[in-house]
Amino acid sequence: MMIEPLDIVLYVLAFAGIVPTLIGLLTVFHWVRPQHKPADTSNRINAIRLWWFALTREELFVGLFPWLRGDEHENMEGDDK
């Protein structure tokens, strides 16, 4: 029995779809899990809002995480310059 080219394409697509599916499941898990104090433990909308800000508004987090300013190579070198 020979494997058809279409079967190979379908197997590759199915395998490639595993990573985005796992990322999506991880995202949904973090949306529905209980929040830790001091955050409101029942407010799911804030969890989704924080997720959205982290994806789309990186500049809001530079003050909290200074490593966001630099290139990864610069971050690895640190204060050794």
Protein backbone atom coordinates (compact mmCIF):
# COMPACT_ATOMS: atom_id res chain seq x y z
CA MET A 1 0.00 0.00 0.00
CA MET A 2 1.45 3.33 -1.09
CA ILE A 3 0.95 6.63 0.71
CA GLU A 4 -0.73 9.19 -1.50
CA PRO A 5 0.72 12.74 -1.73
CA LEU A 6 -2.55 14.15 -0.43
CA ASP A 7 -2.25 11.94 2.67
CA ILE A 8 1.23 13.33 3.33
CA VAL A 9 -0.08 16.89 3.06
CA LEU A 10 -2.92 16.10 5.45
CA TYR A 11 -0.54 14.50 7.96
CA VAL A 12 1.78 17.52 7.82
CA LEU A 13 -1.13 19.93 8.30
CA ALA A 14 -2.48 17.90 11.21
CA PHE A 15 0.94 17.79 12.87
CA ALA A 16 1.53 21.52 12.30
CA GLY A 17 -1.86 22.30 13.84
CA ILE A 18 -0.88 20.76 17.17
CA VAL A 19 1.25 23.75 18.27
CA PRO A 20 -1.39 26.47 17.71
CA THR A 21 -4.02 24.23 19.30
CA LEU A 22 -1.89 23.75 22.42
CA ILE A 23 -1.22 27.50 22.63
CA GLY A 24 -4.96 28.13 22.36
CA LEU A 25 -5.75 25.59 25.06
CA LEU A 26 -3.12 27.13 27.33
CA THR A 27 -4.65 30.57 26.73
CA VAL A 28 -8.17 29.39 27.55
CA PHE A 29 -6.87 27.61 30.67
CA HIS A 30 -5.31 30.85 31.93
CA TRP A 31 -8.53 32.74 31.22
CA VAL A 32 -10.68 30.38 33.28
CA ARG A 33 -8.32 29.45 36.11
CA PRO A 34 -8.86 31.16 39.47
CA GLN A 35 -6.96 34.42 39.80
CA HIS A 36 -4.40 34.92 42.57
CA LYS A 37 -4.76 37.61 45.21
CA PRO A 38 -4.68 40.65 45.17
CA ALA A 39 -6.54 40.35 41.84
CA ASP A 40 -10.29 39.86 41.97
CA THR A 41 -10.60 36.08 42.01
CA SER A 42 -13.79 35.99 39.93
CA ASN A 43 -13.19 38.63 37.26
CA ARG A 44 -12.50 36.82 33.98
CA ILE A 45 -12.85 39.99 31.91
CA ASN A 46 -9.75 41.48 33.54
CA ALA A 47 -7.78 38.32 32.77
CA ILE A 48 -8.75 38.58 29.10
CA ARG A 49 -8.02 42.31 29.09
CA LEU A 50 -4.55 41.72 30.56
CA TRP A 51 -3.89 39.05 27.92
CA TRP A 52 -4.92 41.47 25.17
CA PHE A 53 -2.75 44.30 26.56
CA ALA A 54 0.23 41.97 26.81
CA LEU A 55 -0.20 41.02 23.15
CA THR A 56 -0.94 44.43 21.69
CA ARG A 57 0.42 47.11 24.04
CA GLU A 58 3.96 46.08 24.91
CA GLU A 59 4.92 49.67 25.63
CA LEU A 60 2.71 49.64 28.74
CA PHE A 61 4.89 46.95 30.31
CA VAL A 62 8.35 48.41 29.63
CA GLY A 63 8.34 50.22 32.99
CA LEU A 64 7.64 46.95 34.80
CA PHE A 65 9.97 44.80 32.72
CA PRO A 66 13.03 46.80 31.62
CA TRP A 67 14.33 43.86 29.56
CA LEU A 68 11.56 44.64 27.04
CA ARG A 69 13.56 47.73 25.99
CA GLY A 70 16.62 45.87 24.79
CA ASP A 71 17.48 43.41 22.11
CA GLU A 72 17.77 39.82 23.35
CA HIS A 73 21.51 39.84 22.74
CA GLU A 74 21.85 43.03 24.81
CA ASN A 75 19.74 41.45 27.56
CA MET A 76 22.05 38.43 27.66
CA GLU A 77 25.16 40.63 27.92
CA GLY A 78 23.65 42.62 30.80
CA ASP A 79 26.01 44.89 32.70
CA ASP A 80 29.14 43.16 31.40
CA LYS A 81 29.82 45.98 28.91
